[in-house]
């Protein structure tokens, strides 16, 4: 069940919003003004709860202040596909809002307890007539966030375009290696979630991981992976 923050909790959490790329250049007066303009409201969700669902009317862009959320799409057969993870400073709903969709085209689920700052979807990307500087700074942050999401989507598309499970696994692990700047790292997916993300059957994924381990290319234990030097 979603929980609207009480005043004391709001004051604690709002400091996290102040640190994000969207508002960090604003003084107290400008920050308070833009919160009023955007009708900002703090909402908490428990692990496993939906923050937004496909088909819901778009009312807010959700700025993640704490916790991890993940977006999914579901095909006509009911299969669930992982899209993007959203952590602190990320905004869910921007693409739909900018395109002008009336309804969300993805589900967003809390992977942990999550606190969001819900921002009015129309006012988020439509500055007031005087084009105030505080809103310009917000839009600059939104452009950076769209760039981040686009990059992650392209990474995912490149993986899905590969025909062999082996190539998908190696590409995925190489991306993590570069992101973590280490040959040894933890991934953010269970085996079933990883299979969903790669667009393969779990059995095929498990078989390929075992082959790669036997060949000495990788080692793993649960969610910890190590890429071996050739």
C-alpha atoms as a PDB file:
ATOM      1  CA  UNK A   1       0.000   0.000   0.000  1.00  0.00           C
ATOM      2  CA  UNK A   2       1.351   3.413  -0.922  1.00  0.00           C
ATOM      3  CA  UNK A   3       1.943   5.747   2.008  1.00  0.00           C
ATOM      4  CA  UNK A   4       1.949   9.520   1.782  1.00  0.00           C
ATOM      5  CA  UNK A   5       4.686  10.960   3.971  1.00  0.00           C
ATOM      6  CA  UNK A   6       3.758  12.818   7.151  1.00  0.00           C
ATOM      7  CA  UNK A   7       5.214  16.283   7.585  1.00  0.00           C
ATOM      8  CA  UNK A   8       8.239  15.212   9.658  1.00  0.00           C
ATOM      9  CA  UNK A   9       9.169  12.429   7.252  1.00  0.00           C
ATOM     10  CA  UNK A  10       8.608  14.790   4.358  1.00  0.00           C
ATOM     11  CA  UNK A  11      11.120  17.267   5.755  1.00  0.00           C
ATOM     12  CA  UNK A  12      13.710  14.514   6.192  1.00  0.00           C
ATOM     13  CA  UNK A  13      13.248  13.083   2.707  1.00  0.00           C
ATOM     14  CA  UNK A  14      12.943  16.407   0.899  1.00  0.00           C
ATOM     15  CA  UNK A  15      16.623  17.047   1.616  1.00  0.00           C
ATOM     16  CA  UNK A  16      17.379  14.091  -0.678  1.00  0.00           C
ATOM     17  CA  UNK A  17      15.498  15.787  -3.510  1.00  0.00           C
ATOM     18  CA  UNK A  18      17.533  18.938  -2.959  1.00  0.00           C
ATOM     19  CA  UNK A  19      20.732  17.001  -3.756  1.00  0.00           C
ATOM     20  CA  UNK A  20      19.583  15.702  -7.138  1.00  0.00           C
ATOM     21  CA  UNK A  21      20.678  17.155 -10.478  1.00  0.00           C
ATOM     22  CA  UNK A  22      17.222  18.664 -10.925  1.00  0.00           C
ATOM     23  CA  UNK A  23      17.275  20.978  -7.917  1.00  0.00           C
ATOM     24  CA  UNK A  24      20.790  21.219  -6.481  1.00  0.00           C
ATOM     25  CA  UNK A  25      21.452  24.681  -7.963  1.00  0.00           C
ATOM     26  CA  UNK A  26      18.328  26.202  -6.442  1.00  0.00           C
ATOM     27  CA  UNK A  27      18.224  28.216  -3.239  1.00  0.00           C
ATOM     28  CA  UNK A  28      15.536  27.598  -0.623  1.00  0.00           C
ATOM     29  CA  UNK A  29      13.110  30.113  -2.076  1.00  0.00           C
ATOM     30  CA  UNK A  30      13.355  28.787  -5.623  1.00  0.00           C
ATOM     31  CA  UNK A  31      13.180  25.166  -4.455  1.00  0.00           C
ATOM     32  CA  UNK A  32      10.027  25.801  -2.449  1.00  0.00           C
ATOM     33  CA  UNK A  33       8.533  27.670  -5.399  1.00  0.00           C
ATOM     34  CA  UNK A  34       9.140  24.870  -7.882  1.00  0.00           C
ATOM     35  CA  UNK A  35       7.838  22.255  -5.450  1.00  0.00           C
ATOM     36  CA  UNK A  36       4.638  24.267  -5.247  1.00  0.00           C
ATOM     37  CA  UNK A  37       4.540  24.586  -9.035  1.00  0.00           C
ATOM     38  CA  UNK A  38       5.071  20.856  -9.570  1.00  0.00           C
ATOM     39  CA  UNK A  39       2.713  19.938  -6.733  1.00  0.00           C
ATOM     40  CA  UNK A  40       5.468  17.690  -5.384  1.00  0.00           C
ATOM     41  CA  UNK A  41       4.369  14.991  -2.976  1.00  0.00           C
ATOM     42  CA  UNK A  42       6.393  12.316  -1.220  1.00  0.00           C
ATOM     43  CA  UNK A  43       5.059   8.745  -1.468  1.00  0.00           C
ATOM     44  CA  UNK A  44       6.490   5.538  -0.006  1.00  0.00           C
ATOM     45  CA  UNK A  45       6.005   2.025  -1.401  1.00  0.00           C
ATOM     46  CA  UNK A  46       6.791  -1.321   0.166  1.00  0.00           C
ATOM     47  CA  UNK A  47       8.928  -3.956  -1.549  1.00  0.00           C
ATOM     48  CA  UNK A  48       6.894  -5.732  -4.229  1.00  0.00           C
ATOM     49  CA  UNK A  49       4.259  -3.010  -4.610  1.00  0.00           C
ATOM     50  CA  UNK A  50       3.461  -1.419  -7.940  1.00  0.00           C
ATOM     51  CA  UNK A  51       4.284   2.271  -8.210  1.00  0.00           C
ATOM     52  CA  UNK A  52       2.637   2.531 -11.632  1.00  0.00           C
ATOM     53  CA  UNK A  53       1.056   0.019 -13.997  1.00  0.00           C
ATOM     54  CA  UNK A  54       0.498  -0.203 -17.720  1.00  0.00           C
ATOM     55  CA  UNK A  55      -2.759   1.485 -18.606  1.00  0.00           C
ATOM     56  CA  UNK A  56      -2.833   3.761 -15.563  1.00  0.00           C
ATOM     57  CA  UNK A  57      -3.550   7.377 -16.444  1.00  0.00           C
ATOM     58  CA  UNK A  58      -0.356   9.417 -16.362  1.00  0.00           C
ATOM     59  CA  UNK A  59      -0.545  11.949 -13.560  1.00  0.00           C
ATOM     60  CA  UNK A  60       3.035  12.017 -12.295  1.00  0.00           C
ATOM     61  CA  UNK A  61       6.669  11.581 -13.137  1.00  0.00           C
ATOM     62  CA  UNK A  62       8.216   9.611 -10.273  1.00  0.00           C
ATOM     63  CA  UNK A  63      11.609  10.827  -9.030  1.00  0.00           C
ATOM     64  CA  UNK A  64      13.265   8.043  -7.038  1.00  0.00           C
ATOM     65  CA  UNK A  65      14.718   9.325  -3.756  1.00  0.00           C
ATOM     66  CA  UNK A  66      15.601   6.004  -2.132  1.00  0.00           C
ATOM     67  CA  UNK A  67      15.382   2.319  -2.957  1.00  0.00           C
ATOM     68  CA  UNK A  68      15.283   0.457  -6.267  1.00  0.00           C
ATOM     69  CA  UNK A  69      12.378   0.078  -8.699  1.00  0.00           C
ATOM     70  CA  UNK A  70      12.225  -1.867 -11.945  1.00  0.00           C
ATOM     71  CA  UNK A  71      10.104  -1.365 -15.048  1.00  0.00           C
ATOM     72  CA  UNK A  72       8.504  -4.215 -16.982  1.00  0.00           C
ATOM     73  CA  UNK A  73       6.435  -4.751 -20.085  1.00  0.00           C
ATOM     74  CA  UNK A  74       4.089  -7.700 -20.610  1.00  0.00           C
ATOM     75  CA  UNK A  75       3.373  -9.204 -24.025  1.00  0.00           C
ATOM     76  CA  UNK A  76       0.033 -10.530 -25.246  1.00  0.00           C
ATOM     77  CA  UNK A  77       0.871 -14.014 -23.945  1.00  0.00           C
ATOM     78  CA  UNK A  78       1.408 -12.651 -20.454  1.00  0.00           C
ATOM     79  CA  UNK A  79       5.194 -12.968 -20.515  1.00  0.00           C
ATOM     80  CA  UNK A  80       6.971 -10.364 -18.389  1.00  0.00           C
ATOM     81  CA  UNK A  81      10.059  -8.616 -19.751  1.00  0.00           C
ATOM     82  CA  UNK A  82      12.481  -6.529 -17.706  1.00  0.00           C
ATOM     83  CA  UNK A  83      13.258  -3.062 -19.048  1.00  0.00           C
ATOM     84  CA  UNK A  84      15.106  -0.596 -16.796  1.00  0.00           C
ATOM     85  CA  UNK A  85      16.105  -0.259 -13.167  1.00  0.00           C
ATOM     86  CA  UNK A  86      15.427   3.047 -11.433  1.00  0.00           C
ATOM     87  CA  UNK A  87      17.508   4.166  -8.474  1.00  0.00           C
ATOM     88  CA  UNK A  88      18.171   7.457  -6.710  1.00  0.00           C
ATOM     89  CA  UNK A  89      17.859  10.484  -9.034  1.00  0.00           C
ATOM     90  CA  UNK A  90      16.134   8.583 -11.841  1.00  0.00           C
ATOM     91  CA  UNK A  91      12.672   9.628 -13.059  1.00  0.00           C
ATOM     92  CA  UNK A  92      10.114   7.094 -14.265  1.00  0.00           C
ATOM     93  CA  UNK A  93       7.530   8.173 -16.839  1.00  0.00           C
ATOM     94  CA  UNK A  94       9.564  10.800 -18.692  1.00  0.00           C
ATOM     95  CA  UNK A  95       9.375   9.092 -22.081  1.00  0.00           C
ATOM     96  CA  UNK A  96       5.616   8.640 -21.896  1.00  0.00           C
ATOM     97  CA  UNK A  97       5.149  12.220 -20.684  1.00  0.00           C
ATOM     98  CA  UNK A  98       7.345  13.765 -23.381  1.00  0.00           C
ATOM     99  CA  UNK A  99       5.727  11.696 -26.151  1.00  0.00           C
ATOM    100  CA  UNK A 100       2.328  12.809 -24.918  1.00  0.00           C
ATOM    101  CA  UNK A 101       0.942   9.413 -23.936  1.00  0.00           C
ATOM    102  CA  UNK A 102      -2.120   9.530 -21.723  1.00  0.00           C
ATOM    103  CA  UNK A 103      -1.350   6.192 -20.063  1.00  0.00           C
ATOM    104  CA  UNK A 104       1.804   4.498 -18.806  1.00  0.00           C
ATOM    105  CA  UNK A 105       3.189   1.905 -21.220  1.00  0.00           C
ATOM    106  CA  UNK A 106       5.210   0.046 -18.562  1.00  0.00           C
ATOM    107  CA  UNK A 107       4.784  -1.318 -15.068  1.00  0.00           C
ATOM    108  CA  UNK A 108       7.038   0.038 -12.313  1.00  0.00           C
ATOM    109  CA  UNK A 109       7.505  -2.218  -9.287  1.00  0.00           C
ATOM    110  CA  UNK A 110       9.407  -1.571  -6.057  1.00  0.00           C
ATOM    111  CA  UNK A 111      12.270  -4.084  -5.674  1.00  0.00           C
ATOM    112  CA  UNK A 112      12.995  -2.692  -2.207  1.00  0.00           C
ATOM    113  CA  UNK A 113      11.139  -0.205  -0.052  1.00  0.00           C
ATOM    114  CA  UNK A 114      11.023   2.899  -2.239  1.00  0.00           C
ATOM    115  CA  UNK A 115      10.373   6.580  -1.631  1.00  0.00           C
ATOM    116  CA  UNK A 116       9.471   8.746  -4.612  1.00  0.00           C
ATOM    117  CA  UNK A 117       8.791  12.408  -5.191  1.00  0.00           C
ATOM    118  CA  UNK A 118       5.714  12.491  -7.420  1.00  0.00           C
ATOM    119  CA  UNK A 119       5.805  15.487  -9.776  1.00  0.00           C
ATOM    120  CA  UNK A 120       2.838  16.708 -11.801  1.00  0.00           C
ATOM    121  CA  UNK A 121       3.332  15.248 -15.284  1.00  0.00           C
ATOM    122  CA  UNK A 122       2.119  18.289 -17.242  1.00  0.00           C
ATOM    123  CA  UNK A 123       3.987  20.884 -15.216  1.00  0.00           C
ATOM    124  CA  UNK A 124       7.135  18.772 -15.223  1.00  0.00           C
ATOM    125  CA  UNK A 125       7.884  19.485 -18.886  1.00  0.00           C
ATOM    126  CA  UNK A 126       5.866  22.658 -19.416  1.00  0.00           C
ATOM    127  CA  UNK A 127       7.585  25.682 -17.869  1.00  0.00           C
ATOM    128  CA  UNK A 128       5.510  28.638 -16.765  1.00  0.00           C
ATOM    129  CA  UNK A 129       5.109  31.457 -19.250  1.00  0.00           C
ATOM    130  CA  UNK A 130       7.998  33.484 -17.803  1.00  0.00           C
ATOM    131  CA  UNK A 131      10.408  30.562 -18.412  1.00  0.00           C
ATOM    132  CA  UNK A 132      11.798  30.757 -14.877  1.00  0.00           C
ATOM    133  CA  UNK A 133      15.417  29.734 -14.391  1.00  0.00           C
ATOM    134  CA  UNK A 134      14.500  27.134 -11.782  1.00  0.00           C
ATOM    135  CA  UNK A 135      12.404  25.261 -14.343  1.00  0.00           C
ATOM    136  CA  UNK A 136      15.179  25.514 -16.926  1.00  0.00           C
ATOM    137  CA  UNK A 137      17.527  23.754 -14.470  1.00  0.00           C
ATOM    138  CA  UNK A 138      14.881  21.063 -13.970  1.00  0.00           C
ATOM    139  CA  UNK A 139      14.564  20.505 -17.714  1.00  0.00           C
ATOM    140  CA  UNK A 140      18.347  20.243 -18.075  1.00  0.00           C
ATOM    141  CA  UNK A 141      18.256  17.424 -15.541  1.00  0.00           C
ATOM    142  CA  UNK A 142      15.376  15.765 -17.398  1.00  0.00           C
ATOM    143  CA  UNK A 143      17.372  15.818 -20.640  1.00  0.00           C
ATOM    144  CA  UNK A 144      20.280  14.090 -18.875  1.00  0.00           C
ATOM    145  CA  UNK A 145      17.892  11.484 -17.474  1.00  0.00           C
ATOM    146  CA  UNK A 146      16.396  10.826 -20.918  1.00  0.00           C
ATOM    147  CA  UNK A 147      19.953  10.345 -22.211  1.00  0.00           C
ATOM    148  CA  UNK A 148      20.673   7.818 -19.452  1.00  0.00           C
ATOM    149  CA  UNK A 149      17.510   5.869 -20.190  1.00  0.00           C
ATOM    150  CA  UNK A 150      18.165   5.907 -23.937  1.00  0.00           C
ATOM    151  CA  UNK A 151      21.680   4.563 -23.401  1.00  0.00           C
ATOM    152  CA  UNK A 152      20.387   1.728 -21.203  1.00  0.00           C
ATOM    153  CA  UNK A 153      17.650   0.889 -23.703  1.00  0.00           C
ATOM    154  CA  UNK A 154      20.195   0.734 -26.528  1.00  0.00           C
ATOM    155  CA  UNK A 155      22.417  -1.553 -24.436  1.00  0.00           C
ATOM    156  CA  UNK A 156      19.471  -3.851 -23.886  1.00  0.00           C
ATOM    157  CA  UNK A 157      18.447  -3.808 -27.552  1.00  0.00           C
ATOM    158  CA  UNK A 158      21.993  -4.699 -28.580  1.00  0.00           C
ATOM    159  CA  UNK A 159      21.921  -7.713 -26.275  1.00  0.00           C
ATOM    160  CA  UNK A 160      18.495  -8.862 -27.484  1.00  0.00           C
ATOM    161  CA  UNK A 161      19.607  -8.537 -31.117  1.00  0.00           C
ATOM    162  CA  UNK A 162      22.182 -11.308 -30.624  1.00  0.00           C
ATOM    163  CA  UNK A 163      20.914 -14.695 -31.754  1.00  0.00           C
ATOM    164  CA  UNK A 164      22.900 -17.001 -29.454  1.00  0.00           C
ATOM    165  CA  UNK A 165      22.376 -17.311 -25.704  1.00  0.00           C
ATOM    166  CA  UNK A 166      26.143 -17.535 -25.251  1.00  0.00           C
ATOM    167  CA  UNK A 167      26.700 -14.195 -26.975  1.00  0.00           C
ATOM    168  CA  UNK A 168      23.938 -12.553 -24.942  1.00  0.00           C
ATOM    169  CA  UNK A 169      25.463 -13.761 -21.666  1.00  0.00           C
ATOM    170  CA  UNK A 170      28.981 -12.642 -22.579  1.00  0.00           C
ATOM    171  CA  UNK A 171      27.757  -9.236 -23.774  1.00  0.00           C
ATOM    172  CA  UNK A 172      25.760  -8.734 -20.585  1.00  0.00           C
ATOM    173  CA  UNK A 173      28.725  -9.668 -18.384  1.00  0.00           C
ATOM    174  CA  UNK A 174      31.067  -7.448 -20.380  1.00  0.00           C
ATOM    175  CA  UNK A 175      28.741  -4.469 -19.805  1.00  0.00           C
ATOM    176  CA  UNK A 176      28.726  -5.193 -16.066  1.00  0.00           C
ATOM    177  CA  UNK A 177      32.505  -5.566 -16.046  1.00  0.00           C
ATOM    178  CA  UNK A 178      32.887  -2.108 -17.568  1.00  0.00           C
ATOM    179  CA  UNK A 179      30.249  -0.582 -15.294  1.00  0.00           C
ATOM    180  CA  UNK A 180      31.830  -2.039 -12.153  1.00  0.00           C
ATOM    181  CA  UNK A 181      35.391  -1.512 -13.456  1.00  0.00           C
ATOM    182  CA  UNK A 182      36.289  -4.962 -12.199  1.00  0.00           C
ATOM    183  CA  UNK A 183      36.371  -8.573 -13.399  1.00  0.00           C
ATOM    184  CA  UNK A 184      34.587  -9.556 -10.185  1.00  0.00           C
ATOM    185  CA  UNK A 185      31.119  -8.174  -9.432  1.00  0.00           C
ATOM    186  CA  UNK A 186      27.562  -8.777  -8.225  1.00  0.00           C
ATOM    187  CA  UNK A 187      24.701  -8.577 -10.709  1.00  0.00           C
ATOM    188  CA  UNK A 188      21.262  -7.203  -9.829  1.00  0.00           C
ATOM    189  CA  UNK A 189      19.248 -10.122 -11.214  1.00  0.00           C
ATOM    190  CA  UNK A 190      18.178 -13.570 -10.062  1.00  0.00           C
ATOM    191  CA  UNK A 191      18.540 -16.369 -12.629  1.00  0.00           C
ATOM    192  CA  UNK A 192      14.913 -16.038 -13.685  1.00  0.00           C
ATOM    193  CA  UNK A 193      15.190 -12.270 -13.911  1.00  0.00           C
ATOM    194  CA  UNK A 194      18.399 -12.542 -15.941  1.00  0.00           C
ATOM    195  CA  UNK A 195      16.732 -14.983 -18.328  1.00  0.00           C
ATOM    196  CA  UNK A 196      13.858 -12.520 -18.733  1.00  0.00           C
ATOM    197  CA  UNK A 197      16.251  -9.636 -19.345  1.00  0.00           C
ATOM    198  CA  UNK A 198      18.205 -11.609 -21.957  1.00  0.00           C
ATOM    199  CA  UNK A 199      15.068 -12.923 -23.636  1.00  0.00           C
ATOM    200  CA  UNK A 200      15.964 -16.606 -23.189  1.00  0.00           C
ATOM    201  CA  UNK A 201      14.613 -19.626 -21.332  1.00  0.00           C
ATOM    202  CA  UNK A 202      15.991 -20.108 -17.835  1.00  0.00           C
ATOM    203  CA  UNK A 203      17.108 -23.669 -18.693  1.00  0.00           C
ATOM    204  CA  UNK A 204      19.064 -22.395 -21.712  1.00  0.00           C
ATOM    205  CA  UNK A 205      20.683 -19.707 -19.574  1.00  0.00           C
ATOM    206  CA  UNK A 206      21.712 -22.179 -16.871  1.00  0.00           C
ATOM    207  CA  UNK A 207      23.151 -24.557 -19.458  1.00  0.00           C
ATOM    208  CA  UNK A 208      25.191 -21.799 -21.097  1.00  0.00           C
ATOM    209  CA  UNK A 209      26.526 -20.513 -17.790  1.00  0.00           C
ATOM    210  CA  UNK A 210      27.665 -24.032 -16.907  1.00  0.00           C
ATOM    211  CA  UNK A 211      29.449 -24.363 -20.264  1.00  0.00           C
ATOM    212  CA  UNK A 212      31.236 -21.051 -19.846  1.00  0.00           C
ATOM    213  CA  UNK A 213      32.328 -22.056 -16.362  1.00  0.00           C
ATOM    214  CA  UNK A 214      33.656 -25.435 -17.551  1.00  0.00           C
ATOM    215  CA  UNK A 215      35.572 -23.657 -20.313  1.00  0.00           C
ATOM    216  CA  UNK A 216      37.226 -21.460 -17.700  1.00  0.00           C
ATOM    217  CA  UNK A 217      35.835 -18.233 -19.131  1.00  0.00           C
ATOM    218  CA  UNK A 218      33.795 -17.303 -16.066  1.00  0.00           C
ATOM    219  CA  UNK A 219      33.161 -18.357 -12.505  1.00  0.00           C
ATOM    220  CA  UNK A 220      30.046 -17.644 -10.477  1.00  0.00           C
ATOM    221  CA  UNK A 221      28.256 -18.306  -7.236  1.00  0.00           C
ATOM    222  CA  UNK A 222      24.671 -17.165  -7.021  1.00  0.00           C
ATOM    223  CA  UNK A 223      24.722 -13.477  -8.157  1.00  0.00           C
ATOM    224  CA  UNK A 224      28.501 -13.074  -7.934  1.00  0.00           C
ATOM    225  CA  UNK A 225      30.381 -13.393 -11.224  1.00  0.00           C
ATOM    226  CA  UNK A 226      34.029 -13.330 -12.172  1.00  0.00           C
ATOM    227  CA  UNK A 227      35.317 -12.999 -15.709  1.00  0.00           C
ATOM    228  CA  UNK A 228      38.537 -14.965 -16.121  1.00  0.00           C
ATOM    229  CA  UNK A 229      41.489 -13.519 -18.012  1.00  0.00           C
ATOM    230  CA  UNK A 230      42.117 -15.446 -21.197  1.00  0.00           C
END
